[in-house]
Amino acid sequence: MENKIKINQSVAILIDGNNIERSIHGITKNEATMINFDTLIPRLLMDRGLNRLIYFREGKNISTKLSERLHQNYHGSVVPCHKSADIPLSIKATQLASKVDTIILLSGDSDYVELVAHLKSEGVRIEIAAVEETTSRLLVEEADYFHPITKEDWFTLIPKRKTKKKTTKKK
């Protein structure tokens, strides 16, 4: 008889949108390339429960399509940040520390090393998901686990061709 272990963990996914976007755009040399959340999120969760998904993004021009999609599929939210996402994301991670078992941070930014160390000291499992080539080694070493984001985790939007309107000649 096979013993099946049920993992019952509550996970929060916090995304530094600008960091991940810059990493992917740098690798692909294409600013129309985006994360495919439909494949990435299930892979990161590995059958664990999703408590929160928050996408932090610098600036006011945030796609309403992205916001709606994250809300519909993951009850996620998008948080516009005045400048960098570092401080708002760090505050939210600290607030969530007592409410979740694991925080998955989508960022390769070394600015989060101290946050990761603090959260681990609070008993939270910290996983990093980022593009390996642009991720701080210090951040990977501080985390409990590293999920590489690879080309299987993104897609490139193909711009729609503008169709020419047919004009009728008046006689």
N, C-alpha and C. Protein backbone atom coordinates (compact mmCIF):
# COMPACT_ATOMS: atom_id res chain seq x y z
N MET A 1 0.85 -1.17 0.00
CA MET A 1 0.00 0.00 0.00
C MET A 1 0.90 1.24 0.00
N GLU A 2 0.59 2.17 -0.91
CA GLU A 2 1.39 3.39 -1.05
C GLU A 2 0.87 4.47 -0.11
N ASN A 3 1.79 5.05 0.65
CA ASN A 3 1.41 6.17 1.52
C ASN A 3 1.48 7.45 0.73
N LYS A 4 0.39 8.20 0.72
CA LYS A 4 0.35 9.48 0.03
C LYS A 4 0.39 10.58 1.09
N ILE A 5 1.37 11.45 0.96
CA ILE A 5 1.52 12.55 1.91
C ILE A 5 0.83 13.77 1.36
N LYS A 6 -0.06 14.34 2.15
CA LYS A 6 -0.75 15.56 1.75
C LYS A 6 -0.02 16.74 2.37
N ILE A 7 0.43 17.63 1.47
CA ILE A 7 1.12 18.83 1.94
C ILE A 7 0.08 19.93 2.09
N ASN A 8 -0.02 20.44 3.30
CA ASN A 8 -1.01 21.46 3.59
C ASN A 8 -0.28 22.75 3.98
N GLN A 9 0.14 23.48 2.95
CA GLN A 9 0.83 24.74 3.19
C GLN A 9 0.05 25.87 2.58
N SER A 10 0.05 26.98 3.25
CA SER A 10 -0.56 28.21 2.74
C SER A 10 0.57 29.07 2.17
N VAL A 11 0.40 29.49 0.91
CA VAL A 11 1.47 30.19 0.19
C VAL A 11 1.00 31.57 -0.25
N ALA A 12 1.87 32.55 -0.10
CA ALA A 12 1.65 33.88 -0.67
C ALA A 12 2.70 34.07 -1.77
N ILE A 13 2.26 34.58 -2.91
CA ILE A 13 3.17 34.88 -4.01
C ILE A 13 3.21 36.39 -4.16
N LEU A 14 4.40 36.96 -3.98
CA LEU A 14 4.60 38.40 -4.09
C LEU A 14 5.52 38.66 -5.28
N ILE A 15 5.07 39.49 -6.20
CA ILE A 15 5.77 39.68 -7.46
C ILE A 15 6.28 41.11 -7.59
N ASP A 16 7.58 41.25 -7.79
CA ASP A 16 8.18 42.54 -8.12
C ASP A 16 8.10 42.61 -9.65
N GLY A 17 6.99 43.15 -10.14
CA GLY A 17 6.70 43.15 -11.57
C GLY A 17 7.78 43.78 -12.42
N ASN A 18 8.29 44.93 -12.00
CA ASN A 18 9.31 45.62 -12.78
C ASN A 18 10.59 44.78 -12.88
N ASN A 19 10.99 44.14 -11.78
CA ASN A 19 12.21 43.34 -11.78
C ASN A 19 12.07 42.15 -12.72
N ILE A 20 10.97 41.43 -12.62
CA ILE A 20 10.77 40.25 -13.47
C ILE A 20 10.64 40.66 -14.93
N GLU A 21 9.89 41.73 -15.20
CA GLU A 21 9.74 42.19 -16.58
C GLU A 21 11.08 42.60 -17.18
N ARG A 22 11.87 43.37 -16.44
CA ARG A 22 13.19 43.79 -16.95
C ARG A 22 14.08 42.58 -17.23
N SER A 23 14.03 41.58 -16.35
CA SER A 23 14.84 40.38 -16.55
C SER A 23 14.46 39.65 -17.83
N ILE A 24 13.16 39.46 -18.02
CA ILE A 24 12.69 38.74 -19.21
C ILE A 24 12.96 39.55 -20.47
N HIS A 25 12.71 40.85 -20.40
CA HIS A 25 12.97 41.70 -21.57
C HIS A 25 14.45 41.72 -21.92
N GLY A 26 15.31 41.69 -20.90
CA GLY A 26 16.75 41.67 -21.14
C GLY A 26 17.20 40.38 -21.81
N ILE A 27 16.63 39.26 -21.40
CA ILE A 27 17.00 37.96 -21.97
C ILE A 27 16.46 37.84 -23.41
N THR A 28 15.20 38.22 -23.60
CA THR A 28 14.56 38.03 -24.91
C THR A 28 14.82 39.18 -25.88
N LYS A 29 15.29 40.30 -25.35
CA LYS A 29 15.48 41.52 -26.16
C LYS A 29 14.17 41.95 -26.81
N ASN A 30 13.06 41.71 -26.08
CA ASN A 30 11.74 42.03 -26.61
C ASN A 30 10.83 42.47 -25.47
N GLU A 31 10.35 43.71 -25.53
CA GLU A 31 9.50 44.24 -24.46
C GLU A 31 8.06 43.74 -24.53
N ALA A 32 7.73 42.96 -25.55
CA ALA A 32 6.39 42.39 -25.66
C ALA A 32 6.32 41.00 -25.02
N THR A 33 7.41 40.58 -24.38
CA THR A 33 7.44 39.27 -23.72
C THR A 33 6.93 39.41 -22.30
N MET A 34 6.08 38.46 -21.89
CA MET A 34 5.44 38.54 -20.57
C MET A 34 5.40 37.17 -19.90
N ILE A 35 5.27 37.21 -18.59
CA ILE A 35 5.13 35.97 -17.80
C ILE A 35 3.82 35.29 -18.16
N ASN A 36 3.86 33.97 -18.28
CA ASN A 36 2.65 33.18 -18.47
C ASN A 36 2.24 32.65 -17.09
N PHE A 37 1.40 33.40 -16.42
CA PHE A 37 0.98 33.02 -15.06
C PHE A 37 0.21 31.71 -15.05
N ASP A 38 -0.47 31.38 -16.14
CA ASP A 38 -1.27 30.16 -16.18
C ASP A 38 -0.42 28.89 -16.07
N THR A 39 0.83 28.96 -16.48
CA THR A 39 1.72 27.80 -16.32
C THR A 39 2.64 27.96 -15.11
N LEU A 40 3.08 29.19 -14.85
CA LEU A 40 4.04 29.42 -13.77
C LEU A 40 3.44 29.21 -12.38
N ILE A 41 2.27 29.79 -12.13
CA ILE A 41 1.69 29.72 -10.77
C ILE A 41 1.44 28.28 -10.32
N PRO A 42 0.79 27.43 -11.15
CA PRO A 42 0.61 26.04 -10.70
C PRO A 42 1.94 25.33 -10.45
N ARG A 43 2.95 25.61 -11.26
CA ARG A 43 4.27 24.98 -11.07
C ARG A 43 4.90 25.43 -9.75
N LEU A 44 4.75 26.70 -9.41
CA LEU A 44 5.31 27.20 -8.15
C LEU A 44 4.57 26.65 -6.94
N LEU A 45 3.27 26.53 -7.06
CA LEU A 45 2.47 26.08 -5.91
C LEU A 45 2.64 24.59 -5.61
N MET A 46 2.85 23.78 -6.61
CA MET A 46 3.02 22.33 -6.43
C MET A 46 1.94 21.76 -5.49
N ASP A 47 0.69 22.00 -5.82
CA ASP A 47 -0.46 21.49 -5.05
C ASP A 47 -0.62 22.09 -3.66
N ARG A 48 0.08 23.17 -3.37
CA ARG A 48 -0.11 23.87 -2.09
C ARG A 48 -1.20 24.92 -2.28
N GLY A 49 -1.77 25.38 -1.18
CA GLY A 49 -2.85 26.36 -1.24
C GLY A 49 -2.35 27.78 -1.43
N LEU A 50 -3.01 28.52 -2.32
CA LEU A 50 -2.64 29.91 -2.56
C LEU A 50 -3.44 30.81 -1.63
N ASN A 51 -2.75 31.51 -0.75
CA ASN A 51 -3.38 32.43 0.20
C ASN A 51 -3.52 33.81 -0.42
N ARG A 52 -2.47 34.31 -1.06
CA ARG A 52 -2.45 35.64 -1.68
C ARG A 52 -1.57 35.62 -2.91
N LEU A 53 -1.92 36.44 -3.89
CA LEU A 53 -1.05 36.72 -5.02
C LEU A 53 -1.12 38.23 -5.23
N ILE A 54 0.03 38.88 -5.10
CA ILE A 54 0.05 40.34 -5.24
C ILE A 54 1.18 40.72 -6.20
N TYR A 55 0.81 41.48 -7.20
CA TYR A 55 1.74 41.94 -8.23
C TYR A 55 2.02 43.42 -7.98
N PHE A 56 3.25 43.72 -7.58
CA PHE A 56 3.65 45.10 -7.31
C PHE A 56 4.27 45.67 -8.58
N ARG A 57 3.84 46.86 -8.96
CA ARG A 57 4.32 47.44 -10.22
C ARG A 57 4.53 48.93 -10.05
N GLU A 58 5.73 49.38 -10.41
CA GLU A 58 6.04 50.80 -10.38
C GLU A 58 5.28 51.51 -11.48
N GLY A 59 4.74 52.68 -11.15
CA GLY A 59 4.07 53.49 -12.16
C GLY A 59 2.57 53.34 -12.15
N LYS A 60 1.93 54.23 -12.86
CA LYS A 60 0.47 54.25 -12.89
C LYS A 60 -0.11 53.51 -14.09
N ASN A 61 0.71 53.25 -15.11
CA ASN A 61 0.22 52.58 -16.32
C ASN A 61 0.29 51.07 -16.16
N ILE A 62 -0.70 50.53 -15.47
CA ILE A 62 -0.76 49.10 -15.26
C ILE A 62 -1.92 48.56 -16.07
N SER A 63 -1.66 47.51 -16.81
CA SER A 63 -2.66 46.91 -17.67
C SER A 63 -3.89 46.47 -16.87
N THR A 64 -5.05 46.97 -17.26
CA THR A 64 -6.27 46.52 -16.58
C THR A 64 -6.56 45.07 -16.94
N LYS A 65 -6.11 44.63 -18.12
CA LYS A 65 -6.27 43.22 -18.50
C LYS A 65 -5.51 42.32 -17.54
N LEU A 66 -4.27 42.70 -17.21
CA LEU A 66 -3.46 41.91 -16.27
C LEU A 66 -4.13 41.89 -14.91
N SER A 67 -4.55 43.04 -14.46
CA SER A 67 -5.21 43.15 -13.16
C SER A 67 -6.46 42.27 -13.09
N GLU A 68 -7.29 42.35 -14.11
CA GLU A 68 -8.52 41.54 -14.14
C GLU A 68 -8.21 40.05 -14.21
N ARG A 69 -7.22 39.69 -15.01
CA ARG A 69 -6.85 38.27 -15.16
C ARG A 69 -6.33 37.69 -13.84
N LEU A 70 -5.45 38.43 -13.17
CA LEU A 70 -4.92 37.95 -11.89
C LEU A 70 -6.03 37.82 -10.85
N HIS A 71 -6.98 38.76 -10.87
CA HIS A 71 -8.09 38.68 -9.93
C HIS A 71 -8.99 37.49 -10.25
N GLN A 72 -9.37 37.34 -11.51
CA GLN A 72 -10.28 36.25 -11.90
C GLN A 72 -9.68 34.87 -11.67
N ASN A 73 -8.41 34.69 -12.02
CA ASN A 73 -7.80 33.36 -11.95
C ASN A 73 -7.21 33.01 -10.59
N TYR A 74 -6.76 34.03 -9.83
CA TYR A 74 -6.05 33.73 -8.58
C TYR A 74 -6.51 34.59 -7.41
N HIS A 75 -7.58 35.34 -7.57
CA HIS A 75 -8.03 36.31 -6.57
C HIS A 75 -6.87 37.23 -6.20
N GLY A 76 -6.01 37.49 -7.19
CA GLY A 76 -4.83 38.31 -6.98
C GLY A 76 -5.15 39.78 -7.15
N SER A 77 -4.18 40.59 -6.77
CA SER A 77 -4.35 42.03 -6.92
C SER A 77 -3.06 42.64 -7.45
N VAL A 78 -3.22 43.82 -8.03
CA VAL A 78 -2.08 44.58 -8.53
C VAL A 78 -1.96 45.84 -7.69
N VAL A 79 -0.75 46.10 -7.21
CA VAL A 79 -0.51 47.26 -6.37
C VAL A 79 0.43 48.22 -7.10
N PRO A 80 -0.08 49.39 -7.49
CA PRO A 80 0.83 50.37 -8.11
C PRO A 80 1.73 50.99 -7.04
N CYS A 81 3.00 51.13 -7.37
CA CYS A 81 3.97 51.67 -6.41
C CYS A 81 4.46 53.03 -6.89
N HIS A 82 4.67 53.93 -5.95
CA HIS A 82 5.13 55.28 -6.28
C HIS A 82 6.48 55.24 -6.98
N LYS A 83 7.41 54.53 -6.43
CA LYS A 83 8.73 54.37 -7.04
C LYS A 83 8.97 52.88 -7.19
N SER A 84 9.95 52.35 -6.54
CA SER A 84 10.28 50.94 -6.61
C SER A 84 9.28 50.11 -5.79
N ALA A 85 9.17 48.84 -6.12
CA ALA A 85 8.28 47.93 -5.39
C ALA A 85 8.92 47.43 -4.09
N ASP A 86 10.20 47.67 -3.91
CA ASP A 86 10.93 47.09 -2.78
C ASP A 86 10.26 47.32 -1.42
N ILE A 87 9.94 48.57 -1.12
CA ILE A 87 9.39 48.88 0.21
C ILE A 87 7.96 48.36 0.37
N PRO A 88 7.03 48.66 -0.58
CA PRO A 88 5.67 48.12 -0.39
C PRO A 88 5.63 46.59 -0.34
N LEU A 89 6.44 45.94 -1.16
CA LEU A 89 6.48 44.47 -1.16
C LEU A 89 7.03 43.97 0.18
N SER A 90 8.07 44.60 0.69
CA SER A 90 8.66 44.19 1.97
C SER A 90 7.68 44.37 3.13
N ILE A 91 6.94 45.47 3.11
CA ILE A 91 5.94 45.69 4.16
C ILE A 91 4.86 44.61 4.10
N LYS A 92 4.36 44.32 2.90
CA LYS A 92 3.31 43.31 2.75
C LYS A 92 3.83 41.93 3.17
N ALA A 93 5.06 41.60 2.81
CA ALA A 93 5.64 40.30 3.19
C ALA A 93 5.71 40.18 4.71
N THR A 94 6.10 41.24 5.37
CA THR A 94 6.19 41.23 6.84
C THR A 94 4.80 41.09 7.46
N GLN A 95 3.81 41.76 6.87
CA GLN A 95 2.44 41.63 7.37
C GLN A 95 1.89 40.22 7.19
N LEU A 96 2.26 39.57 6.10
CA LEU A 96 1.74 38.22 5.80
C LEU A 96 2.48 37.10 6.53
N ALA A 97 3.64 37.40 7.08
CA ALA A 97 4.50 36.36 7.67
C ALA A 97 3.78 35.48 8.69
N SER A 98 2.90 36.04 9.47
CA SER A 98 2.21 35.24 10.49
C SER A 98 0.97 34.53 9.93
N LYS A 99 0.64 34.79 8.67
CA LYS A 99 -0.59 34.24 8.09
C LYS A 99 -0.34 33.12 7.08
N VAL A 100 0.93 32.91 6.68
CA VAL A 100 1.24 31.91 5.67
C VAL A 100 2.43 31.06 6.12
N ASP A 101 2.56 29.89 5.48
CA ASP A 101 3.70 29.02 5.75
C ASP A 101 4.89 29.36 4.85
N THR A 102 4.58 29.76 3.61
CA THR A 102 5.61 30.01 2.60
C THR A 102 5.30 31.30 1.86
N ILE A 103 6.34 32.06 1.57
CA ILE A 103 6.22 33.21 0.68
C ILE A 103 7.13 32.94 -0.52
N ILE A 104 6.55 33.01 -1.70
CA ILE A 104 7.34 32.89 -2.93
C ILE A 104 7.50 34.31 -3.47
N LEU A 105 8.73 34.73 -3.58
CA LEU A 105 9.06 36.07 -4.05
C LEU A 105 9.54 35.98 -5.49
N LEU A 106 8.82 36.63 -6.40
CA LEU A 106 9.24 36.68 -7.80
C LEU A 106 10.09 37.93 -7.98
N SER A 107 11.39 37.75 -7.81
CA SER A 107 12.36 38.82 -8.01
C SER A 107 13.74 38.23 -7.83
N GLY A 108 14.69 38.78 -8.55
CA GLY A 108 16.07 38.36 -8.39
C GLY A 108 16.92 39.45 -7.76
N ASP A 109 16.26 40.47 -7.22
CA ASP A 109 16.91 41.68 -6.71
C ASP A 109 17.59 41.43 -5.36
N SER A 110 18.87 41.76 -5.28
CA SER A 110 19.61 41.58 -4.03
C SER A 110 19.09 42.48 -2.90
N ASP A 111 18.28 43.49 -3.23
CA ASP A 111 17.70 44.34 -2.19
C ASP A 111 16.82 43.55 -1.23
N TYR A 112 16.39 42.36 -1.63
CA TYR A 112 15.49 41.56 -0.78
C TYR A 112 16.24 40.58 0.14
N VAL A 113 17.55 40.56 0.11
CA VAL A 113 18.32 39.61 0.94
C VAL A 113 17.98 39.76 2.41
N GLU A 114 17.96 41.00 2.92
CA GLU A 114 17.67 41.23 4.34
C GLU A 114 16.23 40.86 4.68
N LEU A 115 15.30 41.12 3.77
CA LEU A 115 13.90 40.73 3.98
C LEU A 115 13.80 39.21 4.10
N VAL A 116 14.45 38.50 3.20
CA VAL A 116 14.42 37.03 3.22
C VAL A 116 14.99 36.51 4.54
N ALA A 117 16.10 37.06 4.98
CA ALA A 117 16.71 36.64 6.26
C ALA A 117 15.74 36.89 7.41
N HIS A 118 15.10 38.05 7.42
CA HIS A 118 14.15 38.38 8.49
C HIS A 118 12.96 37.43 8.49
N LEU A 119 12.36 37.20 7.31
CA LEU A 119 11.19 36.33 7.24
C LEU A 119 11.52 34.90 7.66
N LYS A 120 12.69 34.42 7.27
CA LYS A 120 13.11 33.08 7.69
C LYS A 120 13.26 33.02 9.20
N SER A 121 13.75 34.10 9.82
CA SER A 121 13.90 34.13 11.27
C SER A 121 12.55 34.11 11.98
N GLU A 122 11.51 34.52 11.25
CA GLU A 122 10.14 34.49 11.77
C GLU A 122 9.48 33.13 11.54
N GLY A 123 10.20 32.20 10.90
CA GLY A 123 9.68 30.85 10.69
C GLY A 123 8.97 30.66 9.36
N VAL A 124 9.09 31.60 8.44
CA VAL A 124 8.43 31.49 7.14
C VAL A 124 9.41 30.87 6.15
N ARG A 125 8.92 29.92 5.38
CA ARG A 125 9.73 29.34 4.29
C ARG A 125 9.73 30.35 3.16
N ILE A 126 10.92 30.64 2.61
CA ILE A 126 11.03 31.63 1.54
C ILE A 126 11.59 30.97 0.29
N GLU A 127 10.84 31.11 -0.79
CA GLU A 127 11.26 30.59 -2.08
C GLU A 127 11.37 31.77 -3.04
N ILE A 128 12.38 31.71 -3.89
CA ILE A 128 12.60 32.75 -4.90
C ILE A 128 12.29 32.14 -6.26
N ALA A 129 11.57 32.89 -7.09
CA ALA A 129 11.34 32.50 -8.48
C ALA A 129 11.82 33.67 -9.32
N ALA A 130 12.79 33.41 -10.18
CA ALA A 130 13.37 34.49 -10.98
C ALA A 130 14.15 33.90 -12.15
N VAL A 131 14.51 34.79 -13.07
CA VAL A 131 15.35 34.40 -14.20
C VAL A 131 16.77 34.24 -13.68
N GLU A 132 17.29 33.02 -13.78
CA GLU A 132 18.56 32.69 -13.14
C GLU A 132 19.71 33.62 -13.55
N GLU A 133 19.78 33.96 -14.83
CA GLU A 133 20.90 34.77 -15.33
C GLU A 133 20.92 36.17 -14.72
N THR A 134 19.78 36.65 -14.23
CA THR A 134 19.72 38.02 -13.70
C THR A 134 19.44 38.05 -12.19
N THR A 135 19.60 36.91 -11.54
CA THR A 135 19.28 36.81 -10.11
C THR A 135 20.54 36.88 -9.25
N SER A 136 20.43 37.63 -8.17
CA SER A 136 21.53 37.76 -7.22
C SER A 136 21.84 36.41 -6.57
N ARG A 137 23.11 36.02 -6.59
CA ARG A 137 23.53 34.77 -5.94
C ARG A 137 23.26 34.84 -4.44
N LEU A 138 23.47 36.02 -3.84
CA LEU A 138 23.21 36.19 -2.40
C LEU A 138 21.76 35.89 -2.06
N LEU A 139 20.84 36.32 -2.92
CA LEU A 139 19.42 36.09 -2.69
C LEU A 139 19.10 34.60 -2.77
N VAL A 140 19.64 33.93 -3.76
CA VAL A 140 19.41 32.48 -3.93
C VAL A 140 19.96 31.73 -2.72
N GLU A 141 21.15 32.10 -2.26
CA GLU A 141 21.77 31.43 -1.12
C GLU A 141 20.99 31.65 0.17
N GLU A 142 20.37 32.81 0.32
CA GLU A 142 19.62 33.12 1.54
C GLU A 142 18.27 32.40 1.58
N ALA A 143 17.69 32.15 0.42
CA ALA A 143 16.35 31.55 0.34
C ALA A 143 16.39 30.06 0.66
N ASP A 144 15.20 29.51 0.96
CA ASP A 144 15.08 28.07 1.20
C ASP A 144 15.07 27.27 -0.10
N TYR A 145 14.58 27.90 -1.18
CA TYR A 145 14.49 27.19 -2.45
C TYR A 145 14.47 28.20 -3.59
N PHE A 146 15.00 27.81 -4.75
CA PHE A 146 15.02 28.67 -5.93
C PHE A 146 14.31 27.98 -7.08
N HIS A 147 13.33 28.66 -7.67
CA HIS A 147 12.63 28.19 -8.87
C HIS A 147 13.12 29.02 -10.06
N PRO A 148 13.84 28.44 -10.99
CA PRO A 148 14.24 29.24 -12.15
C PRO A 148 13.05 29.51 -13.07
N ILE A 149 12.92 30.75 -13.49
CA ILE A 149 11.92 31.11 -14.50
C ILE A 149 12.62 31.01 -15.85
N THR A 150 12.09 30.17 -16.71
CA THR A 150 12.72 29.90 -18.00
C THR A 150 11.79 30.28 -19.14
N LYS A 151 12.25 30.09 -20.36
CA LYS A 151 11.46 30.45 -21.53
C LYS A 151 10.12 29.73 -21.59
N GLU A 152 9.99 28.62 -20.89
CA GLU A 152 8.69 27.92 -20.83
C GLU A 152 7.67 28.70 -20.02
N ASP A 153 8.16 29.68 -19.26
CA ASP A 153 7.30 30.46 -18.36
C ASP A 153 6.90 31.82 -18.93
N TRP A 154 7.26 32.09 -20.20
CA TRP A 154 6.87 33.37 -20.78
C TRP A 154 6.40 33.21 -22.20
N PHE A 155 5.77 34.24 -22.71
CA PHE A 155 5.29 34.26 -24.09
C PHE A 155 5.48 35.67 -24.62
N THR A 156 5.45 35.79 -25.94
CA THR A 156 5.61 37.09 -26.57
C THR A 156 4.32 37.45 -27.29
N LEU A 157 3.83 38.63 -26.96
CA LEU A 157 2.62 39.12 -27.63
C LEU A 157 2.96 39.49 -29.06
N ILE A 158 2.13 39.05 -29.95
CA ILE A 158 2.30 39.42 -31.35
C ILE A 158 1.31 40.54 -31.63
N PRO A 159 1.84 41.70 -32.05
CA PRO A 159 0.93 42.83 -32.29
C PRO A 159 -0.05 42.52 -33.41
N LYS A 160 -1.27 42.99 -33.21
CA LYS A 160 -2.29 42.79 -34.24
C LYS A 160 -1.97 43.72 -35.40
N ARG A 161 -2.14 43.17 -36.57
CA ARG A 161 -1.94 44.00 -37.76
C ARG A 161 -3.14 44.91 -37.93
N LYS A 162 -2.84 46.13 -38.28
CA LYS A 162 -3.92 47.07 -38.54
C LYS A 162 -4.44 46.81 -39.94
N THR A 163 -5.73 46.64 -40.01
CA THR A 163 -6.31 46.40 -41.33
C THR A 163 -6.70 47.73 -41.94
N LYS A 164 -6.47 47.80 -43.21
CA LYS A 164 -6.81 49.04 -43.92
C LYS A 164 -8.30 49.03 -44.18
N LYS A 165 -8.90 50.17 -43.94
CA LYS A 165 -10.33 50.30 -44.21
C LYS A 165 -10.53 50.44 -45.70
N LYS A 166 -11.49 49.73 -46.17
CA LYS A 166 -11.81 49.83 -47.60
C LYS A 166 -12.60 51.12 -47.81
N THR A 167 -12.17 51.84 -48.77
CA THR A 167 -12.90 53.06 -49.09
C THR A 167 -13.61 52.87 -50.41
N THR A 168 -14.78 53.37 -50.44
CA THR A 168 -15.54 53.28 -51.70
C THR A 168 -15.47 54.60 -52.40
N LYS A 169 -15.27 54.50 -53.67
CA LYS A 169 -15.18 55.72 -54.47
C LYS A 169 -16.57 56.21 -54.83
N LYS A 170 -16.76 57.49 -54.68
CA LYS A 170 -18.04 58.08 -55.05
C LYS A 170 -18.01 58.42 -56.53
N LYS A 171 -19.10 58.12 -57.19
CA LYS A 171 -19.18 58.42 -58.63
C LYS A 171 -20.01 59.63 -58.89
